[in-house]
Amino acid sequence: TSLRVHEYYDRAMRDAGTLRFVIGSDVKGPMGPDLVPVDPSRV
C-alpha cells in the first residue's frame, strides 16, 4: 500500500509519495545507478 525510503539529505525514512526521485545523477546506490529520493524543497 505504500513505499518508504530514506531522503537523501536528512536520511530520515519517509513516505515515498512525499519525495521526488532523481535519475541520472553522479550519486550511485549500492548496485550502481539508482533513483535518489530527495525532498521537493531540495531538488
Full PDB file with SEQRES, HELIX, SHEET, SSBOND, CRYST1, ORIGX, SCALE, CONECT and MASTER records, all heavy atoms in Angstrom:
SEQRES   1 A   43  THR SER LEU ARG VAL HIS GLU TYR TYR ASP ARG ALA MET          
SEQRES   2 A   43  ARG ASP ALA GLY THR LEU ARG PHE VAL ILE GLY SER ASP          
SEQRES   3 A   43  VAL LYS GLY PRO MET GLY PRO ASP LEU VAL PRO VAL ASP          
SEQRES   4 A   43  PRO SER ARG VAL                                              
HELIX    1 AA1 ALA A   16  THR A   18  5                                   3    
HELIX    2 AA2 PRO A   40  ARG A   42  5                                   3    
SHEET    1 AA1 2 ARG A   4  HIS A   6  0                                        
SHEET    2 AA1 2 MET A  13  ASP A  15 -1                                        
SHEET    1 AA2 2 ARG A  20  VAL A  22  0                                        
SHEET    2 AA2 2 VAL A  36  VAL A  38 -1                                        
CRYST1    1.000    1.000    1.000  90.00  90.00  90.00 P 1           1          
ORIGX1      1.000000  0.000000  0.000000        0.00000                         
ORIGX2      0.000000  1.000000  0.000000        0.00000                         
ORIGX3      0.000000  0.000000  1.000000        0.00000                         
SCALE1      1.000000  0.000000  0.000000        0.00000                         
SCALE2      0.000000  1.000000  0.000000        0.00000                         
SCALE3      0.000000  0.000000  1.000000        0.00000                         
ATOM      1  N   THR A   1       0.823  -1.208   0.000  1.00  0.00           N  
ATOM      2  CA  THR A   1       0.000   0.000   0.000  1.00  0.00           C  
ATOM      3  C   THR A   1       0.858   1.260   0.000  1.00  0.00           C  
ATOM      4  O   THR A   1       0.381   2.320  -0.374  1.00  0.00           O  
ATOM      5  CB  THR A   1      -0.923   0.025   1.233  1.00  0.00           C  
ATOM      6  OG1 THR A   1      -0.122  -0.073   2.419  1.00  0.00           O  
ATOM      7  CG2 THR A   1      -1.917  -1.128   1.189  1.00  0.00           C  
ATOM      8  N   SER A   2       2.122   1.128   0.426  1.00  0.00           N  
ATOM      9  CA  SER A   2       2.994   2.300   0.419  1.00  0.00           C  
ATOM     10  C   SER A   2       4.460   1.884   0.382  1.00  0.00           C  
ATOM     11  O   SER A   2       4.807   0.739   0.652  1.00  0.00           O  
ATOM     12  CB  SER A   2       2.737   3.189   1.639  1.00  0.00           C  
ATOM     13  OG  SER A   2       3.086   2.512   2.832  1.00  0.00           O  
ATOM     14  N   LEU A   3       5.276   2.872   0.044  1.00  0.00           N  
ATOM     15  CA  LEU A   3       6.724   2.700  -0.032  1.00  0.00           C  
ATOM     16  C   LEU A   3       7.364   3.741   0.868  1.00  0.00           C  
ATOM     17  O   LEU A   3       6.964   4.906   0.857  1.00  0.00           O  
ATOM     18  CB  LEU A   3       7.199   2.896  -1.478  1.00  0.00           C  
ATOM     19  CG  LEU A   3       8.705   3.025  -1.718  1.00  0.00           C  
ATOM     20  CD1 LEU A   3       9.436   1.734  -1.382  1.00  0.00           C  
ATOM     21  CD2 LEU A   3       8.971   3.420  -3.169  1.00  0.00           C  
ATOM     22  N   ARG A   4       8.363   3.314   1.647  1.00  0.00           N  
ATOM     23  CA  ARG A   4       9.137   4.238   2.478  1.00  0.00           C  
ATOM     24  C   ARG A   4      10.599   4.141   2.070  1.00  0.00           C  
ATOM     25  O   ARG A   4      11.117   3.044   1.847  1.00  0.00           O  
ATOM     26  CB  ARG A   4       8.979   3.907   3.961  1.00  0.00           C  
ATOM     27  CG  ARG A   4       7.574   4.093   4.465  1.00  0.00           C  
ATOM     28  CD  ARG A   4       7.476   3.959   5.955  1.00  0.00           C  
ATOM     29  NE  ARG A   4       7.950   2.663   6.405  1.00  0.00           N  
ATOM     30  CZ  ARG A   4       7.389   1.964   7.381  1.00  0.00           C  
ATOM     31  NH1 ARG A   4       6.330   2.425   8.000  1.00  0.00           N  
ATOM     32  NH2 ARG A   4       7.888   0.800   7.748  1.00  0.00           N  
ATOM     33  N   VAL A   5      11.240   5.298   1.967  1.00  0.00           N  
ATOM     34  CA  VAL A   5      12.653   5.365   1.577  1.00  0.00           C  
ATOM     35  C   VAL A   5      13.350   6.419   2.429  1.00  0.00           C  
ATOM     36  O   VAL A   5      12.704   7.266   3.036  1.00  0.00           O  
ATOM     37  CB  VAL A   5      12.818   5.716   0.076  1.00  0.00           C  
ATOM     38  CG1 VAL A   5      12.277   4.617  -0.817  1.00  0.00           C  
ATOM     39  CG2 VAL A   5      12.156   7.042  -0.246  1.00  0.00           C  
ATOM     40  N   HIS A   6      14.676   6.380   2.422  1.00  0.00           N  
ATOM     41  CA  HIS A   6      15.449   7.414   3.111  1.00  0.00           C  
ATOM     42  C   HIS A   6      15.629   8.615   2.189  1.00  0.00           C  
ATOM     43  O   HIS A   6      16.098   8.450   1.056  1.00  0.00           O  
ATOM     44  CB  HIS A   6      16.836   6.895   3.505  1.00  0.00           C  
ATOM     45  CG  HIS A   6      16.823   6.014   4.704  1.00  0.00           C  
ATOM     46  ND1 HIS A   6      16.995   4.665   4.633  1.00  0.00           N  
ATOM     47  CD2 HIS A   6      16.636   6.306   6.011  1.00  0.00           C  
ATOM     48  CE1 HIS A   6      16.942   4.153   5.843  1.00  0.00           C  
ATOM     49  NE2 HIS A   6      16.718   5.121   6.696  1.00  0.00           N  
ATOM     50  N   GLU A   7      15.295   9.780   2.679  1.00  0.00           N  
ATOM     51  CA  GLU A   7      15.530  11.017   1.924  1.00  0.00           C  
ATOM     52  C   GLU A   7      17.038  11.250   1.888  1.00  0.00           C  
ATOM     53  O   GLU A   7      17.732  11.032   2.880  1.00  0.00           O  
ATOM     54  CB  GLU A   7      14.800  12.189   2.583  1.00  0.00           C  
ATOM     55  CG  GLU A   7      14.669  13.408   1.704  1.00  0.00           C  
ATOM     56  CD  GLU A   7      15.858  14.364   1.737  1.00  0.00           C  
ATOM     57  OE1 GLU A   7      16.614  14.344   2.731  1.00  0.00           O  
ATOM     58  OE2 GLU A   7      16.038  15.109   0.776  1.00  0.00           O  
ATOM     59  N   TYR A   8      17.552  11.698   0.743  1.00  0.00           N  
ATOM     60  CA  TYR A   8      18.999  11.814   0.523  1.00  0.00           C  
ATOM     61  C   TYR A   8      19.700  12.694   1.550  1.00  0.00           C  
ATOM     62  O   TYR A   8      20.744  12.309   2.080  1.00  0.00           O  
ATOM     63  CB  TYR A   8      19.270  12.341  -0.894  1.00  0.00           C  
ATOM     64  CG  TYR A   8      20.737  12.527  -1.171  1.00  0.00           C  
ATOM     65  CD1 TYR A   8      21.544  11.434  -1.459  1.00  0.00           C  
ATOM     66  CD2 TYR A   8      21.319  13.788  -1.122  1.00  0.00           C  
ATOM     67  CE1 TYR A   8      22.890  11.586  -1.703  1.00  0.00           C  
ATOM     68  CE2 TYR A   8      22.671  13.953  -1.366  1.00  0.00           C  
ATOM     69  CZ  TYR A   8      23.459  12.851  -1.648  1.00  0.00           C  
ATOM     70  OH  TYR A   8      24.797  13.002  -1.879  1.00  0.00           O  
ATOM     71  N   TYR A   9      19.166  13.870   1.841  1.00  0.00           N  
ATOM     72  CA  TYR A   9      19.881  14.817   2.688  1.00  0.00           C  
ATOM     73  C   TYR A   9      19.757  14.522   4.182  1.00  0.00           C  
ATOM     74  O   TYR A   9      20.761  14.522   4.896  1.00  0.00           O  
ATOM     75  CB  TYR A   9      19.431  16.254   2.399  1.00  0.00           C  
ATOM     76  CG  TYR A   9      19.991  16.760   1.096  1.00  0.00           C  
ATOM     77  CD1 TYR A   9      19.190  16.813  -0.031  1.00  0.00           C  
ATOM     78  CD2 TYR A   9      21.306  17.155   0.981  1.00  0.00           C  
ATOM     79  CE1 TYR A   9      19.691  17.269  -1.247  1.00  0.00           C  
ATOM     80  CE2 TYR A   9      21.827  17.603  -0.224  1.00  0.00           C  
ATOM     81  CZ  TYR A   9      21.009  17.659  -1.337  1.00  0.00           C  
ATOM     82  OH  TYR A   9      21.524  18.097  -2.526  1.00  0.00           O  
ATOM     83  N   ASP A  10      18.566  14.275   4.680  1.00  0.00           N  
ATOM     84  CA  ASP A  10      18.437  14.081   6.130  1.00  0.00           C  
ATOM     85  C   ASP A  10      18.438  12.616   6.555  1.00  0.00           C  
ATOM     86  O   ASP A  10      18.455  12.308   7.731  1.00  0.00           O  
ATOM     87  CB  ASP A  10      17.213  14.808   6.683  1.00  0.00           C  
ATOM     88  CG  ASP A  10      15.889  14.241   6.203  1.00  0.00           C  
ATOM     89  OD1 ASP A  10      15.848  13.121   5.673  1.00  0.00           O  
ATOM     90  OD2 ASP A  10      14.871  14.943   6.373  1.00  0.00           O  
ATOM     91  N   ARG A  11      18.418  11.713   5.579  1.00  0.00           N  
ATOM     92  CA  ARG A  11      18.475  10.268   5.819  1.00  0.00           C  
ATOM     93  C   ARG A  11      17.303   9.742   6.658  1.00  0.00           C  
ATOM     94  O   ARG A  11      17.340   8.634   7.158  1.00  0.00           O  
ATOM     95  CB  ARG A  11      19.788   9.846   6.487  1.00  0.00           C  
ATOM     96  CG  ARG A  11      21.026  10.230   5.732  1.00  0.00           C  
ATOM     97  CD  ARG A  11      21.125   9.463   4.439  1.00  0.00           C  
ATOM     98  NE  ARG A  11      22.442   9.673   3.849  1.00  0.00           N  
ATOM     99  CZ  ARG A  11      22.666   9.751   2.564  1.00  0.00           C  
ATOM    100  NH1 ARG A  11      21.678   9.617   1.722  1.00  0.00           N  
ATOM    101  NH2 ARG A  11      23.868   9.951   2.094  1.00  0.00           N  
ATOM    102  N   ALA A  12      16.260  10.538   6.780  1.00  0.00           N  
ATOM    103  CA  ALA A  12      15.072  10.104   7.518  1.00  0.00           C  
ATOM    104  C   ALA A  12      14.209   9.225   6.616  1.00  0.00           C  
ATOM    105  O   ALA A  12      14.079   9.486   5.421  1.00  0.00           O  
ATOM    106  CB  ALA A  12      14.273  11.315   7.990  1.00  0.00           C  
ATOM    107  N   MET A  13      13.624   8.186   7.198  1.00  0.00           N  
ATOM    108  CA  MET A  13      12.720   7.311   6.453  1.00  0.00           C  
ATOM    109  C   MET A  13      11.409   8.070   6.260  1.00  0.00           C  
ATOM    110  O   MET A  13      10.814   8.552   7.218  1.00  0.00           O  
ATOM    111  CB  MET A  13      12.488   6.022   7.233  1.00  0.00           C  
ATOM    112  CG  MET A  13      11.700   4.986   6.486  1.00  0.00           C  
ATOM    113  SD  MET A  13      12.520   4.318   5.025  1.00  0.00           S  
ATOM    114  CE  MET A  13      13.522   3.033   5.734  1.00  0.00           C  
ATOM    115  N   ARG A  14      10.992   8.185   4.991  1.00  0.00           N  
ATOM    116  CA  ARG A  14       9.781   8.945   4.671  1.00  0.00           C  
ATOM    117  C   ARG A  14       8.915   8.203   3.673  1.00  0.00           C  
ATOM    118  O   ARG A  14       9.381   7.335   2.940  1.00  0.00           O  
ATOM    119  CB  ARG A  14      10.153  10.288   4.051  1.00  0.00           C  
ATOM    120  CG  ARG A  14      10.956  11.166   4.955  1.00  0.00           C  
ATOM    121  CD  ARG A  14      10.683  12.595   4.610  1.00  0.00           C  
ATOM    122  NE  ARG A  14      11.797  13.445   4.971  1.00  0.00           N  
ATOM    123  CZ  ARG A  14      12.017  14.621   4.429  1.00  0.00           C  
ATOM    124  NH1 ARG A  14      11.227  15.078   3.492  1.00  0.00           N  
ATOM    125  NH2 ARG A  14      13.025  15.352   4.826  1.00  0.00           N  
ATOM    126  N   ASP A  15       7.661   8.603   3.624  1.00  0.00           N  
ATOM    127  CA  ASP A  15       6.750   8.078   2.613  1.00  0.00           C  
ATOM    128  C   ASP A  15       7.230   8.561   1.253  1.00  0.00           C  
ATOM    129  O   ASP A  15       7.448   9.760   1.049  1.00  0.00           O  
ATOM    130  CB  ASP A  15       5.328   8.563   2.889  1.00  0.00           C  
ATOM    131  CG  ASP A  15       4.356   8.001   1.881  1.00  0.00           C  
ATOM    132  OD1 ASP A  15       3.835   6.909   2.107  1.00  0.00           O  
ATOM    133  OD2 ASP A  15       4.149   8.673   0.839  1.00  0.00           O  
ATOM    134  N   ALA A  16       7.403   7.635   0.326  1.00  0.00           N  
ATOM    135  CA  ALA A  16       7.955   7.972  -0.992  1.00  0.00           C  
ATOM    136  C   ALA A  16       7.062   8.930  -1.781  1.00  0.00           C  
ATOM    137  O   ALA A  16       7.553   9.669  -2.636  1.00  0.00           O  
ATOM    138  CB  ALA A  16       8.196   6.708  -1.795  1.00  0.00           C  
ATOM    139  N   GLY A  17       5.774   8.939  -1.497  1.00  0.00           N  
ATOM    140  CA  GLY A  17       4.871   9.837  -2.204  1.00  0.00           C  
ATOM    141  C   GLY A  17       5.118  11.304  -1.911  1.00  0.00           C  
ATOM    142  O   GLY A  17       4.678  12.171  -2.664  1.00  0.00           O  
ATOM    143  N   THR A  18       5.838  11.598  -0.843  1.00  0.00           N  
ATOM    144  CA  THR A  18       6.132  12.994  -0.486  1.00  0.00           C  
ATOM    145  C   THR A  18       7.461  13.467  -1.057  1.00  0.00           C  
ATOM    146  O   THR A  18       7.834  14.618  -0.869  1.00  0.00           O  
ATOM    147  CB  THR A  18       6.166  13.168   1.043  1.00  0.00           C  
ATOM    148  OG1 THR A  18       7.272  12.432   1.586  1.00  0.00           O  
ATOM    149  CG2 THR A  18       4.866  12.711   1.685  1.00  0.00           C  
ATOM    150  N   LEU A  19       8.175  12.579  -1.723  1.00  0.00           N  
ATOM    151  CA  LEU A  19       9.509  12.896  -2.237  1.00  0.00           C  
ATOM    152  C   LEU A  19       9.524  12.902  -3.755  1.00  0.00           C  
ATOM    153  O   LEU A  19       8.576  12.485  -4.404  1.00  0.00           O  
ATOM    154  CB  LEU A  19      10.515  11.863  -1.722  1.00  0.00           C  
ATOM    155  CG  LEU A  19      10.624  11.733  -0.210  1.00  0.00           C  
ATOM    156  CD1 LEU A  19      11.515  10.558   0.162  1.00  0.00           C  
ATOM    157  CD2 LEU A  19      11.150  13.022   0.403  1.00  0.00           C  
ATOM    158  N   ARG A  20      10.624  13.378  -4.330  1.00  0.00           N  
ATOM    159  CA  ARG A  20      10.872  13.299  -5.761  1.00  0.00           C  
ATOM    160  C   ARG A  20      12.062  12.365  -5.950  1.00  0.00           C  
ATOM    161  O   ARG A  20      12.894  12.217  -5.069  1.00  0.00           O  
ATOM    162  CB  ARG A  20      11.200  14.674  -6.369  1.00  0.00           C  
ATOM    163  CG  ARG A  20      10.124  15.716  -6.184  1.00  0.00           C  
ATOM    164  CD  ARG A  20       8.805  15.292  -6.832  1.00  0.00           C  
ATOM    165  NE  ARG A  20       7.724  16.190  -6.495  1.00  0.00           N  
ATOM    166  CZ  ARG A  20       6.870  16.020  -5.497  1.00  0.00           C  
ATOM    167  NH1 ARG A  20       6.965  14.971  -4.716  1.00  0.00           N  
ATOM    168  NH2 ARG A  20       5.908  16.870  -5.254  1.00  0.00           N  
ATOM    169  N   PHE A  21      12.149  11.751  -7.119  1.00  0.00           N  
ATOM    170  CA  PHE A  21      13.206  10.788  -7.396  1.00  0.00           C  
ATOM    171  C   PHE A  21      14.043  11.287  -8.562  1.00  0.00           C  
ATOM    172  O   PHE A  21      13.526  11.514  -9.651  1.00  0.00           O  
ATOM    173  CB  PHE A  21      12.607   9.412  -7.699  1.00  0.00           C  
ATOM    174  CG  PHE A  21      11.951   8.804  -6.499  1.00  0.00           C  
ATOM    175  CD1 PHE A  21      10.650   9.131  -6.155  1.00  0.00           C  
ATOM    176  CD2 PHE A  21      12.655   7.933  -5.683  1.00  0.00           C  
ATOM    177  CE1 PHE A  21      10.049   8.595  -5.032  1.00  0.00           C  
ATOM    178  CE2 PHE A  21      12.070   7.397  -4.552  1.00  0.00           C  
ATOM    179  CZ  PHE A  21      10.761   7.720  -4.231  1.00  0.00           C  
ATOM    180  N   VAL A  22      15.338  11.438  -8.309  1.00  0.00           N  
ATOM    181  CA  VAL A  22      16.260  11.949  -9.328  1.00  0.00           C  
ATOM    182  C   VAL A  22      16.935  10.763 -10.011  1.00  0.00           C  
ATOM    183  O   VAL A  22      17.413   9.832  -9.365  1.00  0.00           O  
ATOM    184  CB  VAL A  22      17.307  12.888  -8.712  1.00  0.00           C  
ATOM    185  CG1 VAL A  22      18.266  13.397  -9.791  1.00  0.00           C  
ATOM    186  CG2 VAL A  22      16.632  14.054  -7.995  1.00  0.00           C  
ATOM    187  N   ILE A  23      16.960  10.832 -11.323  1.00  0.00           N  
ATOM    188  CA  ILE A  23      17.585   9.808 -12.154  1.00  0.00           C  
ATOM    189  C   ILE A  23      18.771  10.425 -12.882  1.00  0.00           C  
ATOM    190  O   ILE A  23      18.711  11.572 -13.319  1.00  0.00           O  
ATOM    191  CB  ILE A  23      16.574   9.256 -13.188  1.00  0.00           C  
ATOM    192  CG1 ILE A  23      15.453   8.526 -12.463  1.00  0.00           C  
ATOM    193  CG2 ILE A  23      17.252   8.343 -14.199  1.00  0.00           C  
ATOM    194  CD1 ILE A  23      14.347   8.055 -13.385  1.00  0.00           C  
ATOM    195  N   GLY A  24      19.836   9.649 -13.032  1.00  0.00           N  
ATOM    196  CA  GLY A  24      20.973  10.067 -13.854  1.00  0.00           C  
ATOM    197  C   GLY A  24      21.945  11.002 -13.171  1.00  0.00           C  
ATOM    198  O   GLY A  24      22.670  11.724 -13.845  1.00  0.00           O  
ATOM    199  N   SER A  25      22.010  10.975 -11.854  1.00  0.00           N  
ATOM    200  CA  SER A  25      22.966  11.838 -11.159  1.00  0.00           C  
ATOM    201  C   SER A  25      24.287  11.096 -10.953  1.00  0.00           C  
ATOM    202  O   SER A  25      24.415   9.919 -11.294  1.00  0.00           O  
ATOM    203  CB  SER A  25      22.399  12.267  -9.799  1.00  0.00           C  
ATOM    204  OG  SER A  25      22.422  11.181  -8.895  1.00  0.00           O  
ATOM    205  N   ASP A  26      25.247  11.793 -10.345  1.00  0.00           N  
ATOM    206  CA  ASP A  26      26.526  11.150 -10.040  1.00  0.00           C  
ATOM    207  C   ASP A  26      26.470  10.387  -8.714  1.00  0.00           C  
ATOM    208  O   ASP A  26      27.451   9.779  -8.306  1.00  0.00           O  
ATOM    209  CB  ASP A  26      27.664  12.171 -10.041  1.00  0.00           C  
ATOM    210  CG  ASP A  26      27.479  13.269  -9.009  1.00  0.00           C  
ATOM    211  OD1 ASP A  26      26.501  13.233  -8.222  1.00  0.00           O  
ATOM    212  OD2 ASP A  26      28.315  14.187  -8.977  1.00  0.00           O  
ATOM    213  N   VAL A  27      25.328  10.377  -8.048  1.00  0.00           N  
ATOM    214  CA  VAL A  27      25.151   9.615  -6.808  1.00  0.00           C  
ATOM    215  C   VAL A  27      24.727   8.199  -7.192  1.00  0.00           C  
ATOM    216  O   VAL A  27      23.722   8.018  -7.881  1.00  0.00           O  
ATOM    217  CB  VAL A  27      24.092  10.266  -5.900  1.00  0.00           C  
ATOM    218  CG1 VAL A  27      23.835   9.407  -4.664  1.00  0.00           C  
ATOM    219  CG2 VAL A  27      24.522  11.665  -5.490  1.00  0.00           C  
ATOM    220  N   LYS A  28      25.501   7.227  -6.762  1.00  0.00           N  
ATOM    221  CA  LYS A  28      25.226   5.829  -7.103  1.00  0.00           C  
ATOM    222  C   LYS A  28      24.792   5.065  -5.859  1.00  0.00           C  
ATOM    223  O   LYS A  28      25.275   5.302  -4.760  1.00  0.00           O  
ATOM    224  CB  LYS A  28      26.469   5.148  -7.702  1.00  0.00           C  
ATOM    225  CG  LYS A  28      27.032   5.867  -8.904  1.00  0.00           C  
ATOM    226  CD  LYS A  28      26.056   5.870 -10.061  1.00  0.00           C  
ATOM    227  CE  LYS A  28      26.654   6.580 -11.259  1.00  0.00           C  
ATOM    228  NZ  LYS A  28      25.696   7.271 -12.067  1.00  0.00           N  
ATOM    229  N   GLY A  29      23.900   4.107  -6.058  1.00  0.00           N  
ATOM    230  CA  GLY A  29      23.460   3.241  -4.985  1.00  0.00           C  
ATOM    231  C   GLY A  29      24.414   2.074  -4.820  1.00  0.00           C  
ATOM    232  O   GLY A  29      25.419   1.976  -5.534  1.00  0.00           O  
ATOM    233  N   PRO A  30      24.114   1.155  -3.925  1.00  0.00           N  
ATOM    234  CA  PRO A  30      24.988   0.004  -3.689  1.00  0.00           C  
ATOM    235  C   PRO A  30      25.188  -0.883  -4.923  1.00  0.00           C  
ATOM    236  O   PRO A  30      26.178  -1.589  -5.025  1.00  0.00           O  
ATOM    237  CB  PRO A  30      24.269  -0.788  -2.601  1.00  0.00           C  
ATOM    238  CG  PRO A  30      23.269   0.119  -2.025  1.00  0.00           C  
ATOM    239  CD  PRO A  30      22.968   1.163  -3.032  1.00  0.00           C  
ATOM    240  N   MET A  31      24.237  -0.816  -5.853  1.00  0.00           N  
ATOM    241  CA  MET A  31      24.339  -1.647  -7.060  1.00  0.00           C  
ATOM    242  C   MET A  31      24.510  -0.801  -8.322  1.00  0.00           C  
ATOM    243  O   MET A  31      24.273  -1.266  -9.428  1.00  0.00           O  
ATOM    244  CB  MET A  31      23.096  -2.528  -7.180  1.00  0.00           C  
ATOM    245  CG  MET A  31      23.001  -3.540  -6.054  1.00  0.00           C  
ATOM    246  SD  MET A  31      21.507  -4.517  -6.039  1.00  0.00           S  
ATOM    247  CE  MET A  31      21.357  -5.052  -7.705  1.00  0.00           C  
ATOM    248  N   GLY A  32      24.890   0.449  -8.149  1.00  0.00           N  
ATOM    249  CA  GLY A  32      25.094   1.318  -9.302  1.00  0.00           C  
ATOM    250  C   GLY A  32      24.005   2.365  -9.426  1.00  0.00           C  
ATOM    251  O   GLY A  32      23.485   2.850  -8.416  1.00  0.00           O  
ATOM    252  N   PRO A  33      23.633   2.729 -10.657  1.00  0.00           N  
ATOM    253  CA  PRO A  33      22.619   3.767 -10.855  1.00  0.00           C  
ATOM    254  C   PRO A  33      21.315   3.427 -10.133  1.00  0.00           C  
ATOM    255  O   PRO A  33      20.871   2.280 -10.154  1.00  0.00           O  
ATOM    256  CB  PRO A  33      22.408   3.783 -12.364  1.00  0.00           C  
ATOM    257  CG  PRO A  33      23.656   3.196 -12.928  1.00  0.00           C  
ATOM    258  CD  PRO A  33      24.113   2.185 -11.915  1.00  0.00           C  
ATOM    259  N   ASP A  34      20.749   4.425  -9.489  1.00  0.00           N  
ATOM    260  CA  ASP A  34      19.509   4.204  -8.752  1.00  0.00           C  
ATOM    261  C   ASP A  34      18.712   5.488  -8.740  1.00  0.00           C  
ATOM    262  O   ASP A  34      19.164   6.531  -9.205  1.00  0.00           O  
ATOM    263  CB  ASP A  34      19.809   3.755  -7.318  1.00  0.00           C  
ATOM    264  CG  ASP A  34      18.727   2.852  -6.750  1.00  0.00           C  
ATOM    265  OD1 ASP A  34      17.525   3.165  -6.919  1.00  0.00           O  
ATOM    266  OD2 ASP A  34      19.072   1.820  -6.151  1.00  0.00           O  
ATOM    267  N   LEU A  35      17.519   5.387  -8.215  1.00  0.00           N  
ATOM    268  CA  LEU A  35      16.659   6.547  -8.009  1.00  0.00           C  
ATOM    269  C   LEU A  35      17.066   7.180  -6.681  1.00  0.00           C  
ATOM    270  O   LEU A  35      17.138   6.472  -5.665  1.00  0.00           O  
ATOM    271  CB  LEU A  35      15.205   6.099  -7.917  1.00  0.00           C  
ATOM    272  CG  LEU A  35      14.697   5.334  -9.132  1.00  0.00           C  
ATOM    273  CD1 LEU A  35      13.618   4.353  -8.725  1.00  0.00           C  
ATOM    274  CD2 LEU A  35      14.164   6.313 -10.132  1.00  0.00           C  
ATOM    275  N   VAL A  36      17.328   8.459  -6.680  1.00  0.00           N  
ATOM    276  CA  VAL A  36      17.741   9.131  -5.446  1.00  0.00           C  
ATOM    277  C   VAL A  36      16.545   9.907  -4.897  1.00  0.00           C  
ATOM    278  O   VAL A  36      16.087  10.864  -5.522  1.00  0.00           O  
ATOM    279  CB  VAL A  36      18.934  10.074  -5.686  1.00  0.00           C  
ATOM    280  CG1 VAL A  36      19.382  10.708  -4.369  1.00  0.00           C  
ATOM    281  CG2 VAL A  36      20.091   9.336  -6.349  1.00  0.00           C  
ATOM    282  N   PRO A  37      16.015   9.506  -3.727  1.00  0.00           N  
ATOM    283  CA  PRO A  37      14.872  10.196  -3.133  1.00  0.00           C  
ATOM    284  C   PRO A  37      15.294  11.524  -2.511  1.00  0.00           C  
ATOM    285  O   PRO A  37      16.190  11.568  -1.668  1.00  0.00           O  
ATOM    286  CB  PRO A  37      14.398   9.228  -2.036  1.00  0.00           C  
ATOM    287  CG  PRO A  37      15.169   7.971  -2.218  1.00  0.00           C  
ATOM    288  CD  PRO A  37      16.395   8.309  -2.986  1.00  0.00           C  
ATOM    289  N   VAL A  38      14.646  12.595  -2.956  1.00  0.00           N  
ATOM    290  CA  VAL A  38      15.007  13.937  -2.491  1.00  0.00           C  
ATOM    291  C   VAL A  38      13.739  14.700  -2.132  1.00  0.00           C  
ATOM    292  O   VAL A  38      12.737  14.630  -2.846  1.00  0.00           O  
ATOM    293  CB  VAL A  38      15.799  14.705  -3.587  1.00  0.00           C  
ATOM    294  CG1 VAL A  38      16.197  16.083  -3.114  1.00  0.00           C  
ATOM    295  CG2 VAL A  38      17.029  13.912  -4.008  1.00  0.00           C  
ATOM    296  N   ASP A  39      13.808  15.445  -1.035  1.00  0.00           N  
ATOM    297  CA  ASP A  39      12.701  16.309  -0.640  1.00  0.00           C  
ATOM    298  C   ASP A  39      12.478  17.346  -1.741  1.00  0.00           C  
ATOM    299  O   ASP A  39      13.446  17.883  -2.286  1.00  0.00           O  
ATOM    300  CB  ASP A  39      13.040  17.007   0.679  1.00  0.00           C  
ATOM    301  CG  ASP A  39      11.882  17.793   1.216  1.00  0.00           C  
ATOM    302  OD1 ASP A  39      11.711  18.966   0.782  1.00  0.00           O  
ATOM    303  OD2 ASP A  39      11.145  17.262   2.060  1.00  0.00           O  
ATOM    304  N   PRO A  40      11.225  17.638  -2.094  1.00  0.00           N  
ATOM    305  CA  PRO A  40      10.954  18.607  -3.174  1.00  0.00           C  
ATOM    306  C   PRO A  40      11.641  19.958  -2.975  1.00  0.00           C  
ATOM    307  O   PRO A  40      12.068  20.586  -3.941  1.00  0.00           O  
ATOM    308  CB  PRO A  40       9.436  18.757  -3.153  1.00  0.00           C  
ATOM    309  CG  PRO A  40       8.935  17.503  -2.553  1.00  0.00           C  
ATOM    310  CD  PRO A  40       9.985  17.058  -1.564  1.00  0.00           C  
ATOM    311  N   SER A  41      11.789  20.385  -1.724  1.00  0.00           N  
ATOM    312  CA  SER A  41      12.422  21.681  -1.471  1.00  0.00           C  
ATOM    313  C   SER A  41      13.923  21.666  -1.746  1.00  0.00           C  
ATOM    314  O   SER A  41      14.542  22.722  -1.827  1.00  0.00           O  
ATOM    315  CB  SER A  41      12.172  22.116  -0.023  1.00  0.00           C  
ATOM    316  OG  SER A  41      12.844  21.248   0.880  1.00  0.00           O  
ATOM    317  N   ARG A  42      14.506  20.497  -1.900  1.00  0.00           N  
ATOM    318  CA  ARG A  42      15.950  20.386  -2.115  1.00  0.00           C  
ATOM    319  C   ARG A  42      16.323  19.855  -3.495  1.00  0.00           C  
ATOM    320  O   ARG A  42      17.497  19.639  -3.784  1.00  0.00           O  
ATOM    321  CB  ARG A  42      16.557  19.473  -1.052  1.00  0.00           C  
ATOM    322  CG  ARG A  42      16.429  20.046   0.337  1.00  0.00           C  
ATOM    323  CD  ARG A  42      16.990  19.090   1.343  1.00  0.00           C  
ATOM    324  NE  ARG A  42      17.113  19.710   2.646  1.00  0.00           N  
ATOM    325  CZ  ARG A  42      17.141  19.034   3.765  1.00  0.00           C  
ATOM    326  NH1 ARG A  42      17.082  17.729   3.753  1.00  0.00           N  
ATOM    327  NH2 ARG A  42      17.255  19.667   4.915  1.00  0.00           N  
ATOM    328  N   VAL A  43      15.346  19.643  -4.343  1.00  0.00           N  
ATOM    329  CA  VAL A  43      15.626  19.084  -5.670  1.00  0.00           C  
ATOM    330  C   VAL A  43      16.553  19.986  -6.475  1.00  0.00           C  
ATOM    331  O   VAL A  43      17.505  19.506  -7.103  1.00  0.00           O  
ATOM    332  CB  VAL A  43      14.318  18.798  -6.442  1.00  0.00           C  
ATOM    333  CG1 VAL A  43      14.593  18.509  -7.904  1.00  0.00           C  
ATOM    334  CG2 VAL A  43      13.575  17.631  -5.810  1.00  0.00           C  
TER     335      VAL A  43                                                      
MASTER        0    0    0    2    4    0    0    6  334    1    0    4          
END                                                                             
